[in-house]
Amino acid sequence: MKRLSDGNTKATFAPAVASLSAPTVAELTAVGIVACEEHITADGLNIGIEQGAVTGDTLASTQTFEGPGRTKAGIELTFFRDTETSGDRMWSVMTNGTQGYFVVRRGVAYDTPYAAGQKIAIYTVTCGEPSELAPEAEAYDKATVKLFPSGRYLREATVAA
């Protein structure tokens, strides 16, 4: 059965995680986290993996051979601004140079709390400078922020108790 994405994605910016492979529920719900899923636009969670190629040609080669090389996560978020400071934390906390961990859980209702055993993707990141987008008619104010990979990432980590 296909996994439904509508309403089933949770996205959190956590300032501290002790174990990349097993972040705890306490770390993912601690004071200081930024719950992003209710602010990121429906098409604003853009995570791509770029991969280089390792060539294996020799002097005797008459063909080009390649293997998978290094990978790099690219993350850019488009989000709505909020009139209340408490609701505008993506803008005020995820500022240029801020380091942390961007966590994405898919396939479970966004309002289901993190629990031990859940599968997540976790990226060690440094936030870029948030940028407001041009105003549009009949639209809410939006902004973007790029998250730069500044350490390891795991696309299949497990939440610990």
C-alpha atoms as a PDB file:
ATOM      1  CA  MET A   1       0.000   0.000   0.000  1.00  0.00           C
ATOM      2  CA  LYS A   2       1.277   3.469  -0.854  1.00  0.00           C
ATOM      3  CA  ARG A   3       2.251   5.755   2.014  1.00  0.00           C
ATOM      4  CA  LEU A   4       0.145   8.942   2.168  1.00  0.00           C
ATOM      5  CA  SER A   5       2.129  12.138   2.666  1.00  0.00           C
ATOM      6  CA  ASP A   6      -0.720  14.582   3.418  1.00  0.00           C
ATOM      7  CA  GLY A   7      -0.585  15.368   7.128  1.00  0.00           C
ATOM      8  CA  ASN A   8       1.908  12.554   7.718  1.00  0.00           C
ATOM      9  CA  THR A   9       5.215  14.404   7.866  1.00  0.00           C
ATOM     10  CA  LYS A  10       6.807  15.815  11.018  1.00  0.00           C
ATOM     11  CA  ALA A  11       9.806  18.158  10.724  1.00  0.00           C
ATOM     12  CA  THR A  12      11.812  19.366  13.713  1.00  0.00           C
ATOM     13  CA  PHE A  13      14.926  21.484  14.175  1.00  0.00           C
ATOM     14  CA  ALA A  14      16.687  20.277  17.331  1.00  0.00           C
ATOM     15  CA  PRO A  15      19.611  22.223  18.804  1.00  0.00           C
ATOM     16  CA  ALA A  16      21.267  19.185  20.417  1.00  0.00           C
ATOM     17  CA  VAL A  17      21.374  15.433  19.828  1.00  0.00           C
ATOM     18  CA  ALA A  18      23.847  13.113  21.552  1.00  0.00           C
ATOM     19  CA  SER A  19      23.562  10.144  19.175  1.00  0.00           C
ATOM     20  CA  LEU A  20      22.827  10.638  15.498  1.00  0.00           C
ATOM     21  CA  SER A  21      21.669   7.035  15.115  1.00  0.00           C
ATOM     22  CA  ALA A  22      19.417   7.103  18.189  1.00  0.00           C
ATOM     23  CA  PRO A  23      18.194  10.578  19.161  1.00  0.00           C
ATOM     24  CA  THR A  24      15.973  10.433  22.212  1.00  0.00           C
ATOM     25  CA  VAL A  25      12.355  11.496  22.541  1.00  0.00           C
ATOM     26  CA  ALA A  26      13.531  14.059  25.134  1.00  0.00           C
ATOM     27  CA  GLU A  27      16.001  15.608  22.647  1.00  0.00           C
ATOM     28  CA  LEU A  28      13.365  15.827  19.907  1.00  0.00           C
ATOM     29  CA  THR A  29      10.816  17.477  22.214  1.00  0.00           C
ATOM     30  CA  ALA A  30      13.103  19.593  24.429  1.00  0.00           C
ATOM     31  CA  VAL A  31      12.719  23.285  25.074  1.00  0.00           C
ATOM     32  CA  GLY A  32      14.472  25.036  22.215  1.00  0.00           C
ATOM     33  CA  ILE A  33      13.344  22.743  19.390  1.00  0.00           C
ATOM     34  CA  VAL A  34      11.515  24.296  16.454  1.00  0.00           C
ATOM     35  CA  ALA A  35       8.459  22.366  15.292  1.00  0.00           C
ATOM     36  CA  CYS A  36       8.454  23.170  11.576  1.00  0.00           C
ATOM     37  CA  GLU A  37       5.679  21.068  10.051  1.00  0.00           C
ATOM     38  CA  GLU A  38       2.880  23.589  10.605  1.00  0.00           C
ATOM     39  CA  HIS A  39       4.944  26.397   9.033  1.00  0.00           C
ATOM     40  CA  ILE A  40       6.631  24.753   6.025  1.00  0.00           C
ATOM     41  CA  THR A  41       4.503  25.150   2.890  1.00  0.00           C
ATOM     42  CA  ALA A  42       2.940  22.023   1.365  1.00  0.00           C
ATOM     43  CA  ASP A  43       5.690  21.954  -1.284  1.00  0.00           C
ATOM     44  CA  GLY A  44       8.396  23.600   0.824  1.00  0.00           C
ATOM     45  CA  LEU A  45      10.275  20.600   2.238  1.00  0.00           C
ATOM     46  CA  ASN A  46      12.993  20.122  -0.342  1.00  0.00           C
ATOM     47  CA  ILE A  47      15.615  17.526   0.528  1.00  0.00           C
ATOM     48  CA  GLY A  48      17.828  16.206  -2.232  1.00  0.00           C
ATOM     49  CA  ILE A  49      20.831  13.933  -2.188  1.00  0.00           C
ATOM     50  CA  GLU A  50      23.617  14.691  -4.666  1.00  0.00           C
ATOM     51  CA  GLN A  51      26.130  11.978  -5.406  1.00  0.00           C
ATOM     52  CA  GLY A  52      29.507  12.218  -7.046  1.00  0.00           C
ATOM     53  CA  ALA A  53      31.040   9.587  -9.263  1.00  0.00           C
ATOM     54  CA  VAL A  54      34.325   7.742  -8.807  1.00  0.00           C
ATOM     55  CA  THR A  55      35.983   6.861 -12.101  1.00  0.00           C
ATOM     56  CA  GLY A  56      37.843   3.608 -12.508  1.00  0.00           C
ATOM     57  CA  ASP A  57      39.461   4.067 -15.904  1.00  0.00           C
ATOM     58  CA  THR A  58      42.923   2.642 -16.520  1.00  0.00           C
ATOM     59  CA  LEU A  59      45.402   3.110 -19.330  1.00  0.00           C
ATOM     60  CA  ALA A  60      44.013  -0.062 -20.898  1.00  0.00           C
ATOM     61  CA  SER A  61      40.363   1.096 -20.643  1.00  0.00           C
ATOM     62  CA  THR A  62      38.410   1.586 -23.832  1.00  0.00           C
ATOM     63  CA  GLN A  63      35.272   2.410 -21.875  1.00  0.00           C
ATOM     64  CA  THR A  64      34.519   4.625 -18.915  1.00  0.00           C
ATOM     65  CA  PHE A  65      33.663   2.959 -15.608  1.00  0.00           C
ATOM     66  CA  GLU A  66      32.128   4.662 -12.592  1.00  0.00           C
ATOM     67  CA  GLY A  67      31.086   3.835  -9.089  1.00  0.00           C
ATOM     68  CA  PRO A  68      29.066   5.741  -6.519  1.00  0.00           C
ATOM     69  CA  GLY A  69      31.033   8.506  -4.813  1.00  0.00           C
ATOM     70  CA  ARG A  70      30.446  10.863  -1.918  1.00  0.00           C
ATOM     71  CA  THR A  71      26.974  12.108  -1.133  1.00  0.00           C
ATOM     72  CA  LYS A  72      25.761  15.520  -0.029  1.00  0.00           C
ATOM     73  CA  ALA A  73      22.375  16.420   1.398  1.00  0.00           C
ATOM     74  CA  GLY A  74      20.816  19.615   0.109  1.00  0.00           C
ATOM     75  CA  ILE A  75      17.978  21.028   2.190  1.00  0.00           C
ATOM     76  CA  GLU A  76      15.924  24.118   1.466  1.00  0.00           C
ATOM     77  CA  LEU A  77      12.758  25.011   3.340  1.00  0.00           C
ATOM     78  CA  THR A  78      10.005  27.405   2.279  1.00  0.00           C
ATOM     79  CA  PHE A  79       7.839  28.498   5.170  1.00  0.00           C
ATOM     80  CA  PHE A  80       5.125  30.938   6.171  1.00  0.00           C
ATOM     81  CA  ARG A  81       5.974  33.919   8.352  1.00  0.00           C
ATOM     82  CA  ASP A  82       3.800  34.525  11.406  1.00  0.00           C
ATOM     83  CA  THR A  83       2.555  37.743  12.968  1.00  0.00           C
ATOM     84  CA  GLU A  84       3.230  36.397  16.473  1.00  0.00           C
ATOM     85  CA  THR A  85       6.840  36.021  17.649  1.00  0.00           C
ATOM     86  CA  SER A  86       6.034  32.667  19.272  1.00  0.00           C
ATOM     87  CA  GLY A  87       4.811  31.342  15.907  1.00  0.00           C
ATOM     88  CA  ASP A  88       7.693  32.765  13.874  1.00  0.00           C
ATOM     89  CA  ARG A  89      10.452  30.572  15.356  1.00  0.00           C
ATOM     90  CA  MET A  90      11.720  29.280  12.006  1.00  0.00           C
ATOM     91  CA  TRP A  91      12.582  32.917  11.209  1.00  0.00           C
ATOM     92  CA  SER A  92      13.922  33.907  14.627  1.00  0.00           C
ATOM     93  CA  VAL A  93      15.756  30.712  15.688  1.00  0.00           C
ATOM     94  CA  MET A  94      16.985  29.169  12.422  1.00  0.00           C
ATOM     95  CA  THR A  95      19.284  32.105  11.642  1.00  0.00           C
ATOM     96  CA  ASN A  96      22.572  32.320   9.772  1.00  0.00           C
ATOM     97  CA  GLY A  97      25.224  30.168  11.431  1.00  0.00           C
ATOM     98  CA  THR A  98      22.890  28.356  13.838  1.00  0.00           C
ATOM     99  CA  GLN A  99      23.925  24.722  14.158  1.00  0.00           C
ATOM    100  CA  GLY A 100      21.638  21.830  14.945  1.00  0.00           C
ATOM    101  CA  TYR A 101      19.854  18.774  13.614  1.00  0.00           C
ATOM    102  CA  PHE A 102      17.001  18.694  11.141  1.00  0.00           C
ATOM    103  CA  VAL A 103      14.758  15.690  11.736  1.00  0.00           C
ATOM    104  CA  VAL A 104      12.060  14.397   9.373  1.00  0.00           C
ATOM    105  CA  ARG A 105       9.592  11.641  10.197  1.00  0.00           C
ATOM    106  CA  ARG A 106       7.318  10.421   7.403  1.00  0.00           C
ATOM    107  CA  GLY A 107       4.330   8.107   7.271  1.00  0.00           C
ATOM    108  CA  VAL A 108       2.930   8.942  10.722  1.00  0.00           C
ATOM    109  CA  ALA A 109       0.393  11.686  11.472  1.00  0.00           C
ATOM    110  CA  TYR A 110       2.314  14.906  12.150  1.00  0.00           C
ATOM    111  CA  ASP A 111       0.578  15.439  15.500  1.00  0.00           C
ATOM    112  CA  THR A 112       1.600  12.012  16.807  1.00  0.00           C
ATOM    113  CA  PRO A 113       4.390  12.649  19.323  1.00  0.00           C
ATOM    114  CA  TYR A 114       7.847  11.201  18.731  1.00  0.00           C
ATOM    115  CA  ALA A 115       8.122   7.730  20.265  1.00  0.00           C
ATOM    116  CA  ALA A 116      10.844   5.147  20.700  1.00  0.00           C
ATOM    117  CA  GLY A 117      11.220   2.870  17.690  1.00  0.00           C
ATOM    118  CA  GLN A 118      10.017   5.377  15.084  1.00  0.00           C
ATOM    119  CA  LYS A 119      12.144   5.722  11.943  1.00  0.00           C
ATOM    120  CA  ILE A 120      13.434   9.195  11.095  1.00  0.00           C
ATOM    121  CA  ALA A 121      15.901  10.937   8.847  1.00  0.00           C
ATOM    122  CA  ILE A 122      18.339  13.209  10.702  1.00  0.00           C
ATOM    123  CA  TYR A 123      20.742  15.733   9.197  1.00  0.00           C
ATOM    124  CA  THR A 124      23.531  17.642  10.969  1.00  0.00           C
ATOM    125  CA  VAL A 125      23.133  21.176   9.615  1.00  0.00           C
ATOM    126  CA  THR A 126      24.150  24.800   9.857  1.00  0.00           C
ATOM    127  CA  CYS A 127      21.422  27.254   8.933  1.00  0.00           C
ATOM    128  CA  GLY A 128      21.949  29.812   6.211  1.00  0.00           C
ATOM    129  CA  GLU A 129      20.486  33.316   6.167  1.00  0.00           C
ATOM    130  CA  PRO A 130      16.661  33.205   6.007  1.00  0.00           C
ATOM    131  CA  SER A 131      15.287  35.245   3.126  1.00  0.00           C
ATOM    132  CA  GLU A 132      11.795  36.664   2.693  1.00  0.00           C
ATOM    133  CA  LEU A 133      10.142  35.951  -0.642  1.00  0.00           C
ATOM    134  CA  ALA A 134       8.508  38.616  -2.787  1.00  0.00           C
ATOM    135  CA  PRO A 135       4.939  39.436  -1.753  1.00  0.00           C
ATOM    136  CA  GLU A 136       2.144  37.955  -3.827  1.00  0.00           C
ATOM    137  CA  ALA A 137      -1.505  38.852  -4.221  1.00  0.00           C
ATOM    138  CA  GLU A 138      -3.862  36.675  -2.171  1.00  0.00           C
ATOM    139  CA  ALA A 139      -1.019  34.947  -0.354  1.00  0.00           C
ATOM    140  CA  TYR A 140       0.632  34.798   3.051  1.00  0.00           C
ATOM    141  CA  ASP A 141       4.168  36.092   3.573  1.00  0.00           C
ATOM    142  CA  LYS A 142       6.761  33.387   2.949  1.00  0.00           C
ATOM    143  CA  ALA A 143      10.487  32.941   3.463  1.00  0.00           C
ATOM    144  CA  THR A 144      13.148  30.353   2.667  1.00  0.00           C
ATOM    145  CA  VAL A 145      16.143  29.053   4.533  1.00  0.00           C
ATOM    146  CA  LYS A 146      18.886  26.761   3.262  1.00  0.00           C
ATOM    147  CA  LEU A 147      20.317  24.202   5.667  1.00  0.00           C
ATOM    148  CA  PHE A 148      23.949  23.398   4.916  1.00  0.00           C
ATOM    149  CA  PRO A 149      25.249  19.893   5.688  1.00  0.00           C
ATOM    150  CA  SER A 150      27.856  20.386   8.408  1.00  0.00           C
ATOM    151  CA  GLY A 151      28.181  16.809   9.605  1.00  0.00           C
ATOM    152  CA  ARG A 152      26.868  13.325   9.042  1.00  0.00           C
ATOM    153  CA  TYR A 153      23.315  12.466   8.168  1.00  0.00           C
ATOM    154  CA  LEU A 154      21.322   9.249   8.464  1.00  0.00           C
ATOM    155  CA  ARG A 155      18.233   8.619   6.393  1.00  0.00           C
ATOM    156  CA  GLU A 156      17.207   5.643   8.597  1.00  0.00           C
ATOM    157  CA  ALA A 157      17.795   6.483  12.254  1.00  0.00           C
ATOM    158  CA  THR A 158      15.621   5.177  15.092  1.00  0.00           C
ATOM    159  CA  VAL A 159      14.198   7.286  17.906  1.00  0.00           C
ATOM    160  CA  ALA A 160      15.356   6.060  21.332  1.00  0.00           C
ATOM    161  CA  ALA A 161      13.400   6.220  24.604  1.00  0.00           C
END
